[in-house]
């Protein structure tokens, strides 16, 4: 049998490693497609506001501590009453939230901190989150929070 010098080519293991690397790279590319062009998601921001409102209402009910919603066109925060006035709420749940570029918050004619009443005791309100292509309404009636898309006009 003739002696073999340096064999050329790839082993099966080397081929499988190369295929695995190609698969991982292809997956990352597919998952990232369009991520830059998706922009801000108005529906997700509406759901976030609704979840934070539910949490604040639950806190008011359980702790009997007044909490209010404060807002401007660029974001919102939750405030707590300390006996002398409204102060920024403590904790991540009540931290100010800045809306992504392209999304704005509209509360209509309302102004000032809006106390969150529970058991139907507070004033109902609706917040409209507006984006470039869609709008969503987050409504709170003192008992429930609902999130609905605004029909295109």
C-alpha atoms as a PDB file:
ATOM      1  CA  UNK A   1       0.000   0.000   0.000  1.00  0.00           C
ATOM      2  CA  UNK A   2       1.430   3.368  -0.936  1.00  0.00           C
ATOM      3  CA  UNK A   3       2.077   5.838   1.877  1.00  0.00           C
ATOM      4  CA  UNK A   4      -0.175   8.828   1.865  1.00  0.00           C
ATOM      5  CA  UNK A   5       1.332  12.207   2.309  1.00  0.00           C
ATOM      6  CA  UNK A   6      -0.724  15.103   3.663  1.00  0.00           C
ATOM      7  CA  UNK A   7      -4.359  14.317   2.908  1.00  0.00           C
ATOM      8  CA  UNK A   8      -6.451  17.186   1.654  1.00  0.00           C
ATOM      9  CA  UNK A   9     -10.129  17.805   2.126  1.00  0.00           C
ATOM     10  CA  UNK A  10     -12.496  18.265   5.043  1.00  0.00           C
ATOM     11  CA  UNK A  11     -13.607  15.737   7.585  1.00  0.00           C
ATOM     12  CA  UNK A  12     -17.261  15.174   8.348  1.00  0.00           C
ATOM     13  CA  UNK A  13     -16.920  16.986  11.686  1.00  0.00           C
ATOM     14  CA  UNK A  14     -15.403  20.046  10.022  1.00  0.00           C
ATOM     15  CA  UNK A  15     -18.215  20.063   7.468  1.00  0.00           C
ATOM     16  CA  UNK A  16     -20.870  19.885  10.221  1.00  0.00           C
ATOM     17  CA  UNK A  17     -19.242  22.774  12.102  1.00  0.00           C
ATOM     18  CA  UNK A  18     -19.262  24.921   8.958  1.00  0.00           C
ATOM     19  CA  UNK A  19     -22.938  24.078   8.310  1.00  0.00           C
ATOM     20  CA  UNK A  20     -23.850  24.922  11.918  1.00  0.00           C
ATOM     21  CA  UNK A  21     -22.128  28.313  11.632  1.00  0.00           C
ATOM     22  CA  UNK A  22     -23.939  29.045   8.364  1.00  0.00           C
ATOM     23  CA  UNK A  23     -27.259  28.072   9.984  1.00  0.00           C
ATOM     24  CA  UNK A  24     -26.716  30.386  12.960  1.00  0.00           C
ATOM     25  CA  UNK A  25     -25.753  33.291  10.704  1.00  0.00           C
ATOM     26  CA  UNK A  26     -28.789  32.726   8.463  1.00  0.00           C
ATOM     27  CA  UNK A  27     -31.108  32.634  11.496  1.00  0.00           C
ATOM     28  CA  UNK A  28     -29.700  35.884  12.853  1.00  0.00           C
ATOM     29  CA  UNK A  29     -30.125  37.526   9.462  1.00  0.00           C
ATOM     30  CA  UNK A  30     -33.739  36.404   9.070  1.00  0.00           C
ATOM     31  CA  UNK A  31     -34.695  37.482  12.597  1.00  0.00           C
ATOM     32  CA  UNK A  32     -33.115  40.887  12.098  1.00  0.00           C
ATOM     33  CA  UNK A  33     -34.745  41.580   8.728  1.00  0.00           C
ATOM     34  CA  UNK A  34     -36.879  44.670   8.889  1.00  0.00           C
ATOM     35  CA  UNK A  35     -36.106  45.391  12.552  1.00  0.00           C
ATOM     36  CA  UNK A  36     -34.731  48.812  11.685  1.00  0.00           C
ATOM     37  CA  UNK A  37     -37.736  49.704   9.556  1.00  0.00           C
ATOM     38  CA  UNK A  38     -40.416  48.468  11.966  1.00  0.00           C
ATOM     39  CA  UNK A  39     -40.170  51.584  14.063  1.00  0.00           C
ATOM     40  CA  UNK A  40     -42.163  52.156  17.198  1.00  0.00           C
ATOM     41  CA  UNK A  41     -45.039  49.828  17.917  1.00  0.00           C
ATOM     42  CA  UNK A  42     -48.076  51.848  19.005  1.00  0.00           C
ATOM     43  CA  UNK A  43     -50.019  48.721  20.007  1.00  0.00           C
ATOM     44  CA  UNK A  44     -47.217  47.615  22.340  1.00  0.00           C
ATOM     45  CA  UNK A  45     -47.064  51.072  23.933  1.00  0.00           C
ATOM     46  CA  UNK A  46     -50.848  51.024  24.447  1.00  0.00           C
ATOM     47  CA  UNK A  47     -50.604  47.606  26.116  1.00  0.00           C
ATOM     48  CA  UNK A  48     -47.752  48.869  28.321  1.00  0.00           C
ATOM     49  CA  UNK A  49     -49.816  51.858  29.476  1.00  0.00           C
ATOM     50  CA  UNK A  50     -52.828  49.610  30.139  1.00  0.00           C
ATOM     51  CA  UNK A  51     -50.732  47.183  32.190  1.00  0.00           C
ATOM     52  CA  UNK A  52     -49.247  49.990  34.250  1.00  0.00           C
ATOM     53  CA  UNK A  53     -52.722  51.468  34.833  1.00  0.00           C
ATOM     54  CA  UNK A  54     -53.997  48.078  36.053  1.00  0.00           C
ATOM     55  CA  UNK A  55     -51.040  47.794  38.406  1.00  0.00           C
ATOM     56  CA  UNK A  56     -51.592  51.311  39.758  1.00  0.00           C
ATOM     57  CA  UNK A  57     -55.324  50.647  40.266  1.00  0.00           C
ATOM     58  CA  UNK A  58     -54.527  47.422  42.119  1.00  0.00           C
ATOM     59  CA  UNK A  59     -52.050  49.306  44.298  1.00  0.00           C
ATOM     60  CA  UNK A  60     -54.642  51.986  45.102  1.00  0.00           C
ATOM     61  CA  UNK A  61     -57.164  49.306  46.044  1.00  0.00           C
ATOM     62  CA  UNK A  62     -54.778  47.286  48.210  1.00  0.00           C
ATOM     63  CA  UNK A  63     -52.766  50.054  49.879  1.00  0.00           C
ATOM     64  CA  UNK A  64     -55.450  52.770  49.962  1.00  0.00           C
ATOM     65  CA  UNK A  65     -52.702  55.139  48.794  1.00  0.00           C
ATOM     66  CA  UNK A  66     -53.721  57.783  46.217  1.00  0.00           C
ATOM     67  CA  UNK A  67     -51.932  57.475  42.872  1.00  0.00           C
ATOM     68  CA  UNK A  68     -52.336  59.739  39.854  1.00  0.00           C
ATOM     69  CA  UNK A  69     -51.353  59.624  36.213  1.00  0.00           C
ATOM     70  CA  UNK A  70     -49.267  62.529  34.935  1.00  0.00           C
ATOM     71  CA  UNK A  71     -48.552  62.944  31.230  1.00  0.00           C
ATOM     72  CA  UNK A  72     -47.426  65.074  28.355  1.00  0.00           C
ATOM     73  CA  UNK A  73     -47.318  64.399  24.617  1.00  0.00           C
ATOM     74  CA  UNK A  74     -43.959  62.588  24.942  1.00  0.00           C
ATOM     75  CA  UNK A  75     -44.678  60.257  27.874  1.00  0.00           C
ATOM     76  CA  UNK A  76     -46.267  59.630  31.233  1.00  0.00           C
ATOM     77  CA  UNK A  77     -45.500  58.830  34.876  1.00  0.00           C
ATOM     78  CA  UNK A  78     -47.363  57.861  38.018  1.00  0.00           C
ATOM     79  CA  UNK A  79     -47.427  60.110  41.072  1.00  0.00           C
ATOM     80  CA  UNK A  80     -48.144  59.304  44.724  1.00  0.00           C
ATOM     81  CA  UNK A  81     -49.833  61.629  47.216  1.00  0.00           C
ATOM     82  CA  UNK A  82     -47.633  62.315  50.245  1.00  0.00           C
ATOM     83  CA  UNK A  83     -50.040  64.499  52.253  1.00  0.00           C
ATOM     84  CA  UNK A  84     -48.667  67.769  50.850  1.00  0.00           C
ATOM     85  CA  UNK A  85     -48.862  67.132  47.135  1.00  0.00           C
ATOM     86  CA  UNK A  86     -48.215  64.776  44.269  1.00  0.00           C
ATOM     87  CA  UNK A  87     -44.688  63.375  44.174  1.00  0.00           C
ATOM     88  CA  UNK A  88     -43.065  60.960  41.714  1.00  0.00           C
ATOM     89  CA  UNK A  89     -44.007  57.392  42.596  1.00  0.00           C
ATOM     90  CA  UNK A  90     -41.314  55.036  43.797  1.00  0.00           C
ATOM     91  CA  UNK A  91     -40.367  51.850  42.041  1.00  0.00           C
ATOM     92  CA  UNK A  92     -39.928  50.804  38.457  1.00  0.00           C
ATOM     93  CA  UNK A  93     -43.680  50.414  37.897  1.00  0.00           C
ATOM     94  CA  UNK A  94     -44.256  54.107  38.540  1.00  0.00           C
ATOM     95  CA  UNK A  95     -41.132  55.473  36.868  1.00  0.00           C
ATOM     96  CA  UNK A  96     -41.591  57.972  34.043  1.00  0.00           C
ATOM     97  CA  UNK A  97     -41.933  56.358  30.628  1.00  0.00           C
ATOM     98  CA  UNK A  98     -40.729  58.223  27.558  1.00  0.00           C
ATOM     99  CA  UNK A  99     -42.602  57.244  24.396  1.00  0.00           C
ATOM    100  CA  UNK A 100     -40.540  56.248  21.362  1.00  0.00           C
ATOM    101  CA  UNK A 101     -39.991  58.820  18.642  1.00  0.00           C
ATOM    102  CA  UNK A 102     -43.048  59.025  16.404  1.00  0.00           C
ATOM    103  CA  UNK A 103     -45.591  58.141  19.114  1.00  0.00           C
ATOM    104  CA  UNK A 104     -47.509  60.763  21.085  1.00  0.00           C
ATOM    105  CA  UNK A 105     -50.023  60.657  23.932  1.00  0.00           C
ATOM    106  CA  UNK A 106     -53.241  62.695  23.810  1.00  0.00           C
ATOM    107  CA  UNK A 107     -55.608  62.940  26.783  1.00  0.00           C
ATOM    108  CA  UNK A 108     -58.017  65.381  25.153  1.00  0.00           C
ATOM    109  CA  UNK A 109     -59.032  68.366  27.292  1.00  0.00           C
ATOM    110  CA  UNK A 110     -57.738  66.880  30.546  1.00  0.00           C
ATOM    111  CA  UNK A 111     -54.876  68.525  32.403  1.00  0.00           C
ATOM    112  CA  UNK A 112     -52.935  68.099  35.617  1.00  0.00           C
ATOM    113  CA  UNK A 113     -52.413  64.854  37.486  1.00  0.00           C
ATOM    114  CA  UNK A 114     -55.370  62.525  37.038  1.00  0.00           C
ATOM    115  CA  UNK A 115     -56.170  60.542  40.227  1.00  0.00           C
ATOM    116  CA  UNK A 116     -56.799  56.857  39.608  1.00  0.00           C
ATOM    117  CA  UNK A 117     -60.046  55.929  41.304  1.00  0.00           C
ATOM    118  CA  UNK A 118     -61.051  52.321  41.872  1.00  0.00           C
ATOM    119  CA  UNK A 119     -64.417  50.608  42.189  1.00  0.00           C
ATOM    120  CA  UNK A 120     -65.872  53.128  39.766  1.00  0.00           C
ATOM    121  CA  UNK A 121     -65.208  56.008  42.176  1.00  0.00           C
ATOM    122  CA  UNK A 122     -62.808  57.924  39.936  1.00  0.00           C
ATOM    123  CA  UNK A 123     -63.437  59.816  36.756  1.00  0.00           C
ATOM    124  CA  UNK A 124     -63.217  57.656  33.648  1.00  0.00           C
ATOM    125  CA  UNK A 125     -60.690  58.704  31.040  1.00  0.00           C
ATOM    126  CA  UNK A 126     -59.314  57.684  27.685  1.00  0.00           C
ATOM    127  CA  UNK A 127     -55.792  58.162  26.397  1.00  0.00           C
ATOM    128  CA  UNK A 128     -55.013  58.037  22.701  1.00  0.00           C
ATOM    129  CA  UNK A 129     -51.591  56.891  21.584  1.00  0.00           C
ATOM    130  CA  UNK A 130     -50.902  58.137  18.074  1.00  0.00           C
ATOM    131  CA  UNK A 131     -48.287  56.845  15.683  1.00  0.00           C
ATOM    132  CA  UNK A 132     -47.509  57.602  12.053  1.00  0.00           C
ATOM    133  CA  UNK A 133     -49.826  54.894  10.699  1.00  0.00           C
ATOM    134  CA  UNK A 134     -52.059  53.841  13.578  1.00  0.00           C
ATOM    135  CA  UNK A 135     -53.659  55.006  16.803  1.00  0.00           C
ATOM    136  CA  UNK A 136     -54.856  53.111  19.863  1.00  0.00           C
ATOM    137  CA  UNK A 137     -57.123  54.118  22.733  1.00  0.00           C
ATOM    138  CA  UNK A 138     -56.521  53.064  26.324  1.00  0.00           C
ATOM    139  CA  UNK A 139     -59.720  53.592  28.327  1.00  0.00           C
ATOM    140  CA  UNK A 140     -60.092  53.333  32.106  1.00  0.00           C
ATOM    141  CA  UNK A 141     -63.535  53.425  33.722  1.00  0.00           C
ATOM    142  CA  UNK A 142     -62.534  52.988  37.363  1.00  0.00           C
ATOM    143  CA  UNK A 143     -62.925  49.220  37.156  1.00  0.00           C
ATOM    144  CA  UNK A 144     -61.459  48.031  33.883  1.00  0.00           C
ATOM    145  CA  UNK A 145     -58.785  49.037  31.421  1.00  0.00           C
ATOM    146  CA  UNK A 146     -59.404  48.382  27.742  1.00  0.00           C
ATOM    147  CA  UNK A 147     -57.159  48.791  24.721  1.00  0.00           C
ATOM    148  CA  UNK A 148     -58.717  49.250  21.287  1.00  0.00           C
ATOM    149  CA  UNK A 149     -57.404  50.296  17.893  1.00  0.00           C
ATOM    150  CA  UNK A 150     -58.756  53.541  16.475  1.00  0.00           C
ATOM    151  CA  UNK A 151     -60.297  52.953  13.040  1.00  0.00           C
ATOM    152  CA  UNK A 152     -58.404  54.644  10.227  1.00  0.00           C
ATOM    153  CA  UNK A 153     -60.187  57.637   8.749  1.00  0.00           C
END
